[in-house]
Amino acid sequence: MNMISFKGRNNILQNADRITRKVNSVYPHISESKSKDYISKVIEFSDFNSDVSKKMMNLSFRNAVKLDALRFRMPSGIELFKSIIYALKDKHIGNCYESARLAEIIAKINGQDNVYSMKTYVARNRSGMEIKLEHVVSVMTNQPIEAGKKYIFKNKDAVIIDPWFGITDFASKYVERLKNDFMHHFMYMPNNNLVSRMISKQAKTPQEYNALKKEKFFNPPIRFLLHEDDVLTKEQAKELRDEYPELILDDFKKIDF
């Protein structure tokens, strides 16, 4: 069994993180969903009929309409990827979908072919029913990826490139960060921190705490599903490389697991 050394793991993450950082720097843009969250907080602490609230609600509406209109016009094939770049570069707006697809574009332009834009799913409860998290990431893996099949990646199986959260990490660590550090972004992610505080108040002994923890804690798997939109081909990547030279990474070394 092949093992990745500590140095090798660091090199993999450093190279992959160049893609994440490029996504977040090459085309400065606003995230419609992050902007909406910020605006909601501003409105929460303002008078509903105040000028500030009205301006903020109008801005949130305009951002949503702008992004929806851009997505509605996104075709297939090479024009899909050009439209994604257009939204980020010229219209300065996007969300996790556009960021993940740009990561895929940058990776493939620079010779890294084993990158896939994938949706994320979480088990809603112990019955196994899954809920889509409405979050898209890029996954770098040597595993063959099939359309319509959901995957659980172990640490050595994949690196997750998530420009929207600014994370580049091996699959297992990424999943734990998603569940522990960013759970408040997702409606259906279990809040075990809250559960821990609750059972700490109930338990009178460490043994009782451990028993309650075993009963109440729910640590669902995160599964990844290939996005149904087109995957960027090698031929399309070559065309985009010529048209968007700003996406080329100097001295990028292809990542091998």
C-alpha atoms as a PDB file:
ATOM      1  CA  MET A   1       0.000   0.000   0.000  1.00  0.00           C
ATOM      2  CA  ASN A   2       1.375   3.410  -1.005  1.00  0.00           C
ATOM      3  CA  MET A   3       1.845   5.829   1.874  1.00  0.00           C
ATOM      4  CA  ILE A   4       2.137   9.589   1.572  1.00  0.00           C
ATOM      5  CA  SER A   5       4.984  10.965   3.686  1.00  0.00           C
ATOM      6  CA  PHE A   6       4.581  14.067   5.839  1.00  0.00           C
ATOM      7  CA  LYS A   7       6.710  16.035   3.389  1.00  0.00           C
ATOM      8  CA  GLY A   8       4.748  14.636   0.486  1.00  0.00           C
ATOM      9  CA  ARG A   9       1.447  15.603   2.095  1.00  0.00           C
ATOM     10  CA  ASN A  10       2.710  19.142   2.636  1.00  0.00           C
ATOM     11  CA  ASN A  11       3.830  19.423  -0.983  1.00  0.00           C
ATOM     12  CA  ILE A  12       0.466  18.187  -2.198  1.00  0.00           C
ATOM     13  CA  LEU A  13      -1.441  20.717  -0.104  1.00  0.00           C
ATOM     14  CA  GLN A  14       0.898  23.578  -0.979  1.00  0.00           C
ATOM     15  CA  ASN A  15       0.496  22.933  -4.688  1.00  0.00           C
ATOM     16  CA  ALA A  16      -3.276  22.482  -4.445  1.00  0.00           C
ATOM     17  CA  ASP A  17      -3.595  25.632  -2.348  1.00  0.00           C
ATOM     18  CA  ARG A  18      -2.039  27.622  -5.180  1.00  0.00           C
ATOM     19  CA  ILE A  19      -5.209  26.846  -7.110  1.00  0.00           C
ATOM     20  CA  THR A  20      -7.442  27.953  -4.227  1.00  0.00           C
ATOM     21  CA  ARG A  21      -5.538  31.210  -3.809  1.00  0.00           C
ATOM     22  CA  LYS A  22      -5.577  31.886  -7.554  1.00  0.00           C
ATOM     23  CA  VAL A  23      -9.352  31.510  -7.646  1.00  0.00           C
ATOM     24  CA  ASN A  24      -9.713  34.070  -4.864  1.00  0.00           C
ATOM     25  CA  SER A  25      -7.272  36.599  -6.316  1.00  0.00           C
ATOM     26  CA  VAL A  26      -7.348  36.520 -10.108  1.00  0.00           C
ATOM     27  CA  TYR A  27     -10.895  37.906 -10.537  1.00  0.00           C
ATOM     28  CA  PRO A  28     -11.978  39.983  -7.509  1.00  0.00           C
ATOM     29  CA  HIS A  29     -15.698  39.518  -7.077  1.00  0.00           C
ATOM     30  CA  ILE A  30     -18.422  39.431  -4.470  1.00  0.00           C
ATOM     31  CA  SER A  31     -20.101  36.279  -3.275  1.00  0.00           C
ATOM     32  CA  GLU A  32     -23.855  36.717  -3.602  1.00  0.00           C
ATOM     33  CA  SER A  33     -24.569  34.334  -0.725  1.00  0.00           C
ATOM     34  CA  LYS A  34     -21.955  35.817   1.619  1.00  0.00           C
ATOM     35  CA  SER A  35     -23.231  39.280   0.793  1.00  0.00           C
ATOM     36  CA  LYS A  36     -26.784  38.114   1.528  1.00  0.00           C
ATOM     37  CA  ASP A  37     -25.719  36.763   4.934  1.00  0.00           C
ATOM     38  CA  TYR A  38     -24.001  40.052   5.798  1.00  0.00           C
ATOM     39  CA  ILE A  39     -26.997  42.092   4.643  1.00  0.00           C
ATOM     40  CA  SER A  40     -29.345  39.935   6.742  1.00  0.00           C
ATOM     41  CA  LYS A  41     -27.282  40.709   9.840  1.00  0.00           C
ATOM     42  CA  VAL A  42     -27.310  44.449   9.068  1.00  0.00           C
ATOM     43  CA  ILE A  43     -31.086  44.414   8.612  1.00  0.00           C
ATOM     44  CA  GLU A  44     -31.549  42.407  11.819  1.00  0.00           C
ATOM     45  CA  PHE A  45     -30.085  45.278  13.827  1.00  0.00           C
ATOM     46  CA  SER A  46     -31.770  48.077  11.871  1.00  0.00           C
ATOM     47  CA  ASP A  47     -35.303  49.433  11.812  1.00  0.00           C
ATOM     48  CA  PHE A  48     -37.221  47.494   9.179  1.00  0.00           C
ATOM     49  CA  ASN A  49     -38.458  50.627   7.377  1.00  0.00           C
ATOM     50  CA  SER A  50     -35.223  52.580   7.710  1.00  0.00           C
ATOM     51  CA  ASP A  51     -33.306  53.799   4.662  1.00  0.00           C
ATOM     52  CA  VAL A  52     -30.443  51.455   5.574  1.00  0.00           C
ATOM     53  CA  SER A  53     -32.716  48.404   5.599  1.00  0.00           C
ATOM     54  CA  LYS A  54     -34.351  49.363   2.319  1.00  0.00           C
ATOM     55  CA  LYS A  55     -30.996  49.909   0.608  1.00  0.00           C
ATOM     56  CA  MET A  56     -29.634  46.642   1.938  1.00  0.00           C
ATOM     57  CA  MET A  57     -32.689  44.656   0.836  1.00  0.00           C
ATOM     58  CA  ASN A  58     -32.525  46.255  -2.593  1.00  0.00           C
ATOM     59  CA  LEU A  59     -28.827  45.402  -2.902  1.00  0.00           C
ATOM     60  CA  SER A  60     -29.454  41.790  -1.893  1.00  0.00           C
ATOM     61  CA  PHE A  61     -32.256  41.522  -4.445  1.00  0.00           C
ATOM     62  CA  ARG A  62     -30.150  43.023  -7.236  1.00  0.00           C
ATOM     63  CA  ASN A  63     -27.225  40.682  -6.518  1.00  0.00           C
ATOM     64  CA  ALA A  64     -29.483  37.628  -6.599  1.00  0.00           C
ATOM     65  CA  VAL A  65     -31.162  38.709  -9.848  1.00  0.00           C
ATOM     66  CA  LYS A  66     -27.792  39.478 -11.442  1.00  0.00           C
ATOM     67  CA  LEU A  67     -26.329  36.069 -10.629  1.00  0.00           C
ATOM     68  CA  ASP A  68     -29.507  34.198 -11.580  1.00  0.00           C
ATOM     69  CA  ALA A  69     -29.563  35.980 -14.946  1.00  0.00           C
ATOM     70  CA  LEU A  70     -25.930  35.085 -15.605  1.00  0.00           C
ATOM     71  CA  ARG A  71     -26.500  31.445 -14.699  1.00  0.00           C
ATOM     72  CA  PHE A  72     -29.641  31.256 -16.819  1.00  0.00           C
ATOM     73  CA  ARG A  73     -27.586  32.208 -19.862  1.00  0.00           C
ATOM     74  CA  MET A  74     -24.804  29.687 -19.178  1.00  0.00           C
ATOM     75  CA  PRO A  75     -24.760  27.191 -22.069  1.00  0.00           C
ATOM     76  CA  SER A  76     -22.842  23.912 -22.292  1.00  0.00           C
ATOM     77  CA  GLY A  77     -19.438  22.888 -23.581  1.00  0.00           C
ATOM     78  CA  ILE A  78     -16.620  25.416 -23.800  1.00  0.00           C
ATOM     79  CA  GLU A  79     -19.090  28.310 -23.647  1.00  0.00           C
ATOM     80  CA  LEU A  80     -20.165  27.218 -20.163  1.00  0.00           C
ATOM     81  CA  PHE A  81     -16.660  27.755 -18.840  1.00  0.00           C
ATOM     82  CA  LYS A  82     -16.258  31.043 -20.667  1.00  0.00           C
ATOM     83  CA  SER A  83     -19.556  32.191 -19.141  1.00  0.00           C
ATOM     84  CA  ILE A  84     -18.336  31.268 -15.653  1.00  0.00           C
ATOM     85  CA  ILE A  85     -15.172  33.296 -16.210  1.00  0.00           C
ATOM     86  CA  TYR A  86     -17.288  36.157 -17.602  1.00  0.00           C
ATOM     87  CA  ALA A  87     -19.448  36.226 -14.459  1.00  0.00           C
ATOM     88  CA  LEU A  88     -16.395  36.404 -12.201  1.00  0.00           C
ATOM     89  CA  LYS A  89     -14.094  38.546 -14.346  1.00  0.00           C
ATOM     90  CA  ASP A  90     -16.446  41.024 -15.991  1.00  0.00           C
ATOM     91  CA  LYS A  91     -19.550  41.026 -13.809  1.00  0.00           C
ATOM     92  CA  HIS A  92     -17.624  40.531 -10.522  1.00  0.00           C
ATOM     93  CA  ILE A  93     -20.091  38.134  -8.949  1.00  0.00           C
ATOM     94  CA  GLY A  94     -20.291  34.426  -8.187  1.00  0.00           C
ATOM     95  CA  ASN A  95     -20.859  31.853  -5.496  1.00  0.00           C
ATOM     96  CA  CYS A  96     -19.347  28.509  -4.508  1.00  0.00           C
ATOM     97  CA  TYR A  97     -20.378  27.011  -7.861  1.00  0.00           C
ATOM     98  CA  GLU A  98     -18.459  29.554  -9.915  1.00  0.00           C
ATOM     99  CA  SER A  99     -15.454  29.353  -7.573  1.00  0.00           C
ATOM    100  CA  ALA A 100     -15.329  25.552  -7.716  1.00  0.00           C
ATOM    101  CA  ARG A 101     -15.626  25.529 -11.502  1.00  0.00           C
ATOM    102  CA  LEU A 102     -12.859  28.147 -11.793  1.00  0.00           C
ATOM    103  CA  ALA A 103     -10.670  25.924  -9.596  1.00  0.00           C
ATOM    104  CA  GLU A 104     -11.327  23.064 -12.019  1.00  0.00           C
ATOM    105  CA  ILE A 105     -10.465  25.338 -14.955  1.00  0.00           C
ATOM    106  CA  ILE A 106      -7.222  26.587 -13.386  1.00  0.00           C
ATOM    107  CA  ALA A 107      -6.155  23.075 -12.404  1.00  0.00           C
ATOM    108  CA  LYS A 108      -6.714  21.666 -15.890  1.00  0.00           C
ATOM    109  CA  ILE A 109      -5.173  24.651 -17.666  1.00  0.00           C
ATOM    110  CA  ASN A 110      -2.038  23.913 -15.628  1.00  0.00           C
ATOM    111  CA  GLY A 111      -1.961  20.195 -16.426  1.00  0.00           C
ATOM    112  CA  GLN A 112      -3.806  18.770 -13.392  1.00  0.00           C
ATOM    113  CA  ASP A 113      -6.446  16.575 -15.009  1.00  0.00           C
ATOM    114  CA  ASN A 114      -7.843  14.624 -12.050  1.00  0.00           C
ATOM    115  CA  VAL A 115     -10.035  17.470 -10.732  1.00  0.00           C
ATOM    116  CA  TYR A 116     -13.842  17.324 -10.535  1.00  0.00           C
ATOM    117  CA  SER A 117     -16.479  19.848  -9.470  1.00  0.00           C
ATOM    118  CA  MET A 118     -18.772  18.036  -7.052  1.00  0.00           C
ATOM    119  CA  LYS A 119     -21.879  18.679  -4.978  1.00  0.00           C
ATOM    120  CA  THR A 120     -21.936  17.881  -1.254  1.00  0.00           C
ATOM    121  CA  TYR A 121     -24.516  15.825   0.646  1.00  0.00           C
ATOM    122  CA  VAL A 122     -25.003  15.076   4.339  1.00  0.00           C
ATOM    123  CA  ALA A 123     -27.051  12.379   6.067  1.00  0.00           C
ATOM    124  CA  ARG A 124     -30.065  14.091   7.678  1.00  0.00           C
ATOM    125  CA  ASN A 125     -30.496  11.485  10.386  1.00  0.00           C
ATOM    126  CA  ARG A 126     -29.553   7.953  11.307  1.00  0.00           C
ATOM    127  CA  SER A 127     -32.018   6.557   8.790  1.00  0.00           C
ATOM    128  CA  GLY A 128     -29.505   7.457   6.079  1.00  0.00           C
ATOM    129  CA  MET A 129     -31.691   9.985   4.247  1.00  0.00           C
ATOM    130  CA  GLU A 130     -29.391  12.545   2.611  1.00  0.00           C
ATOM    131  CA  ILE A 131     -29.810  16.274   2.080  1.00  0.00           C
ATOM    132  CA  LYS A 132     -27.985  18.362  -0.502  1.00  0.00           C
ATOM    133  CA  LEU A 133     -25.934  21.047   1.230  1.00  0.00           C
ATOM    134  CA  GLU A 134     -26.155  23.480  -1.711  1.00  0.00           C
ATOM    135  CA  HIS A 135     -22.368  23.704  -1.715  1.00  0.00           C
ATOM    136  CA  VAL A 136     -19.995  22.888  -4.575  1.00  0.00           C
ATOM    137  CA  VAL A 137     -16.272  22.153  -4.272  1.00  0.00           C
ATOM    138  CA  SER A 138     -13.493  20.861  -6.491  1.00  0.00           C
ATOM    139  CA  VAL A 139     -12.122  17.417  -5.680  1.00  0.00           C
ATOM    140  CA  MET A 140      -8.665  16.260  -6.731  1.00  0.00           C
ATOM    141  CA  THR A 141      -8.433  12.471  -6.697  1.00  0.00           C
ATOM    142  CA  ASN A 142      -6.922   9.530  -8.529  1.00  0.00           C
ATOM    143  CA  GLN A 143     -10.115   7.548  -8.036  1.00  0.00           C
ATOM    144  CA  PRO A 144     -12.277   7.082 -11.144  1.00  0.00           C
ATOM    145  CA  ILE A 145     -15.328   9.312 -10.803  1.00  0.00           C
ATOM    146  CA  GLU A 146     -18.653   8.305 -12.337  1.00  0.00           C
ATOM    147  CA  ALA A 147     -21.703  10.480 -12.913  1.00  0.00           C
ATOM    148  CA  GLY A 148     -24.621   9.782 -10.584  1.00  0.00           C
ATOM    149  CA  LYS A 149     -22.520   8.008  -7.938  1.00  0.00           C
ATOM    150  CA  LYS A 150     -21.887   9.494  -4.486  1.00  0.00           C
ATOM    151  CA  TYR A 151     -18.468   9.136  -2.900  1.00  0.00           C
ATOM    152  CA  ILE A 152     -17.022   9.201   0.598  1.00  0.00           C
ATOM    153  CA  PHE A 153     -13.335  10.065   0.388  1.00  0.00           C
ATOM    154  CA  LYS A 154     -10.804   8.961   2.964  1.00  0.00           C
ATOM    155  CA  ASN A 155      -7.840  11.208   3.735  1.00  0.00           C
ATOM    156  CA  LYS A 156      -5.421   9.759   1.216  1.00  0.00           C
ATOM    157  CA  ASP A 157      -8.104   9.484  -1.464  1.00  0.00           C
ATOM    158  CA  ALA A 158      -8.632  13.140  -2.276  1.00  0.00           C
ATOM    159  CA  VAL A 159      -7.784  16.770  -1.702  1.00  0.00           C
ATOM    160  CA  ILE A 160     -10.724  19.152  -1.441  1.00  0.00           C
ATOM    161  CA  ILE A 161     -10.301  22.585  -3.001  1.00  0.00           C
ATOM    162  CA  ASP A 162     -12.931  24.922  -1.567  1.00  0.00           C
ATOM    163  CA  PRO A 163     -12.233  28.537  -2.568  1.00  0.00           C
ATOM    164  CA  TRP A 164     -15.559  29.775  -1.156  1.00  0.00           C
ATOM    165  CA  PHE A 165     -14.473  28.856   2.381  1.00  0.00           C
ATOM    166  CA  GLY A 166     -10.793  29.344   1.541  1.00  0.00           C
ATOM    167  CA  ILE A 167      -9.936  25.741   2.454  1.00  0.00           C
ATOM    168  CA  THR A 168      -7.484  23.343   0.825  1.00  0.00           C
ATOM    169  CA  ASP A 169      -7.164  20.081   2.722  1.00  0.00           C
ATOM    170  CA  PHE A 170      -7.239  16.317   2.572  1.00  0.00           C
ATOM    171  CA  ALA A 171     -10.742  14.896   2.458  1.00  0.00           C
ATOM    172  CA  SER A 172     -11.133  13.704   6.066  1.00  0.00           C
ATOM    173  CA  LYS A 173      -9.836  16.936   7.576  1.00  0.00           C
ATOM    174  CA  TYR A 174     -11.934  19.002   5.210  1.00  0.00           C
ATOM    175  CA  VAL A 175     -15.097  17.132   6.180  1.00  0.00           C
ATOM    176  CA  GLU A 176     -14.397  17.637   9.887  1.00  0.00           C
ATOM    177  CA  ARG A 177     -13.823  21.364   9.337  1.00  0.00           C
ATOM    178  CA  LEU A 178     -17.048  21.613   7.348  1.00  0.00           C
ATOM    179  CA  LYS A 179     -18.984  19.960  10.174  1.00  0.00           C
ATOM    180  CA  ASN A 180     -17.283  21.721  13.081  1.00  0.00           C
ATOM    181  CA  ASP A 181     -16.157  25.155  11.859  1.00  0.00           C
ATOM    182  CA  PHE A 182     -18.669  25.990   9.144  1.00  0.00           C
ATOM    183  CA  MET A 183     -21.807  24.125  10.209  1.00  0.00           C
ATOM    184  CA  HIS A 184     -23.701  27.402  10.769  1.00  0.00           C
ATOM    185  CA  HIS A 185     -23.696  27.962   6.995  1.00  0.00           C
ATOM    186  CA  PHE A 186     -25.834  24.859   6.439  1.00  0.00           C
ATOM    187  CA  MET A 187     -29.385  24.348   7.595  1.00  0.00           C
ATOM    188  CA  TYR A 188     -29.162  20.585   8.033  1.00  0.00           C
ATOM    189  CA  MET A 189     -25.699  20.151   9.524  1.00  0.00           C
ATOM    190  CA  PRO A 190     -25.925  18.751  13.092  1.00  0.00           C
ATOM    191  CA  ASN A 191     -24.604  21.070  15.793  1.00  0.00           C
ATOM    192  CA  ASN A 192     -22.683  18.750  18.112  1.00  0.00           C
ATOM    193  CA  ASN A 193     -21.176  21.717  19.947  1.00  0.00           C
ATOM    194  CA  LEU A 194     -24.652  22.676  21.094  1.00  0.00           C
ATOM    195  CA  VAL A 195     -25.445  19.062  21.967  1.00  0.00           C
ATOM    196  CA  SER A 196     -22.228  18.855  24.004  1.00  0.00           C
ATOM    197  CA  ARG A 197     -23.183  21.933  26.036  1.00  0.00           C
ATOM    198  CA  MET A 198     -26.647  20.540  26.673  1.00  0.00           C
ATOM    199  CA  ILE A 199     -25.514  17.121  27.879  1.00  0.00           C
ATOM    200  CA  SER A 200     -22.770  18.729  29.988  1.00  0.00           C
ATOM    201  CA  LYS A 201     -25.546  20.371  31.989  1.00  0.00           C
ATOM    202  CA  GLN A 202     -27.516  17.140  32.249  1.00  0.00           C
ATOM    203  CA  ALA A 203     -24.704  14.710  33.112  1.00  0.00           C
ATOM    204  CA  LYS A 204     -23.689  14.363  36.746  1.00  0.00           C
ATOM    205  CA  THR A 205     -20.678  12.107  36.126  1.00  0.00           C
ATOM    206  CA  PRO A 206     -18.167  11.558  33.307  1.00  0.00           C
ATOM    207  CA  GLN A 207     -19.692   8.143  32.730  1.00  0.00           C
ATOM    208  CA  GLU A 208     -23.143   9.668  32.297  1.00  0.00           C
ATOM    209  CA  TYR A 209     -21.721  12.292  29.944  1.00  0.00           C
ATOM    210  CA  ASN A 210     -20.100   9.632  27.762  1.00  0.00           C
ATOM    211  CA  ALA A 211     -23.313   7.626  27.671  1.00  0.00           C
ATOM    212  CA  LEU A 212     -25.345  10.691  26.645  1.00  0.00           C
ATOM    213  CA  LYS A 213     -22.713  11.642  24.089  1.00  0.00           C
ATOM    214  CA  LYS A 214     -22.904   8.211  22.499  1.00  0.00           C
ATOM    215  CA  GLU A 215     -26.687   8.493  22.395  1.00  0.00           C
ATOM    216  CA  LYS A 216     -27.065  12.105  21.249  1.00  0.00           C
ATOM    217  CA  PHE A 217     -24.054  12.839  19.053  1.00  0.00           C
ATOM    218  CA  PHE A 218     -24.603  12.417  15.335  1.00  0.00           C
ATOM    219  CA  ASN A 219     -21.542  12.536  13.106  1.00  0.00           C
ATOM    220  CA  PRO A 220     -22.917  12.042   9.590  1.00  0.00           C
ATOM    221  CA  PRO A 221     -20.752  11.280   6.575  1.00  0.00           C
ATOM    222  CA  ILE A 222     -20.347  13.852   3.825  1.00  0.00           C
ATOM    223  CA  ARG A 223     -20.759  12.445   0.350  1.00  0.00           C
ATOM    224  CA  PHE A 224     -19.676  13.996  -2.931  1.00  0.00           C
ATOM    225  CA  LEU A 225     -21.518  13.776  -6.254  1.00  0.00           C
ATOM    226  CA  LEU A 226     -20.139  14.836  -9.630  1.00  0.00           C
ATOM    227  CA  HIS A 227     -21.890  18.020 -10.770  1.00  0.00           C
ATOM    228  CA  GLU A 228     -24.241  17.401 -13.676  1.00  0.00           C
ATOM    229  CA  ASP A 229     -22.810  20.283 -15.730  1.00  0.00           C
ATOM    230  CA  ASP A 230     -20.141  19.506 -18.315  1.00  0.00           C
ATOM    231  CA  VAL A 231     -16.657  18.467 -17.210  1.00  0.00           C
ATOM    232  CA  LEU A 232     -13.825  20.489 -18.771  1.00  0.00           C
ATOM    233  CA  THR A 233     -11.932  18.424 -21.346  1.00  0.00           C
ATOM    234  CA  LYS A 234      -8.206  18.612 -22.152  1.00  0.00           C
ATOM    235  CA  GLU A 235      -8.934  20.192 -25.530  1.00  0.00           C
ATOM    236  CA  GLN A 236     -11.148  22.851 -23.930  1.00  0.00           C
ATOM    237  CA  ALA A 237      -8.497  23.513 -21.277  1.00  0.00           C
ATOM    238  CA  LYS A 238      -5.929  24.210 -23.997  1.00  0.00           C
ATOM    239  CA  GLU A 239      -8.286  26.717 -25.631  1.00  0.00           C
ATOM    240  CA  LEU A 240      -8.925  28.480 -22.319  1.00  0.00           C
ATOM    241  CA  ARG A 241      -5.194  28.548 -21.571  1.00  0.00           C
ATOM    242  CA  ASP A 242      -4.608  30.550 -24.745  1.00  0.00           C
ATOM    243  CA  GLU A 243      -7.555  32.879 -24.140  1.00  0.00           C
ATOM    244  CA  TYR A 244      -6.976  33.490 -20.405  1.00  0.00           C
ATOM    245  CA  PRO A 245      -3.206  33.487 -19.781  1.00  0.00           C
ATOM    246  CA  GLU A 246      -3.781  35.091 -16.375  1.00  0.00           C
ATOM    247  CA  LEU A 247      -4.937  31.666 -15.169  1.00  0.00           C
ATOM    248  CA  ILE A 248      -1.539  30.075 -15.781  1.00  0.00           C
ATOM    249  CA  LEU A 249       0.422  29.284 -12.604  1.00  0.00           C
ATOM    250  CA  ASP A 250       4.171  29.811 -12.865  1.00  0.00           C
ATOM    251  CA  ASP A 251       6.185  26.636 -12.310  1.00  0.00           C
ATOM    252  CA  PHE A 252       3.139  24.633 -11.246  1.00  0.00           C
ATOM    253  CA  LYS A 253       4.069  21.025 -10.572  1.00  0.00           C
ATOM    254  CA  LYS A 254       1.457  18.392 -11.261  1.00  0.00           C
ATOM    255  CA  ILE A 255       0.271  16.769  -8.050  1.00  0.00           C
ATOM    256  CA  ASP A 256       0.726  13.020  -7.705  1.00  0.00           C
ATOM    257  CA  PHE A 257      -0.840  11.112  -4.816  1.00  0.00           C
END
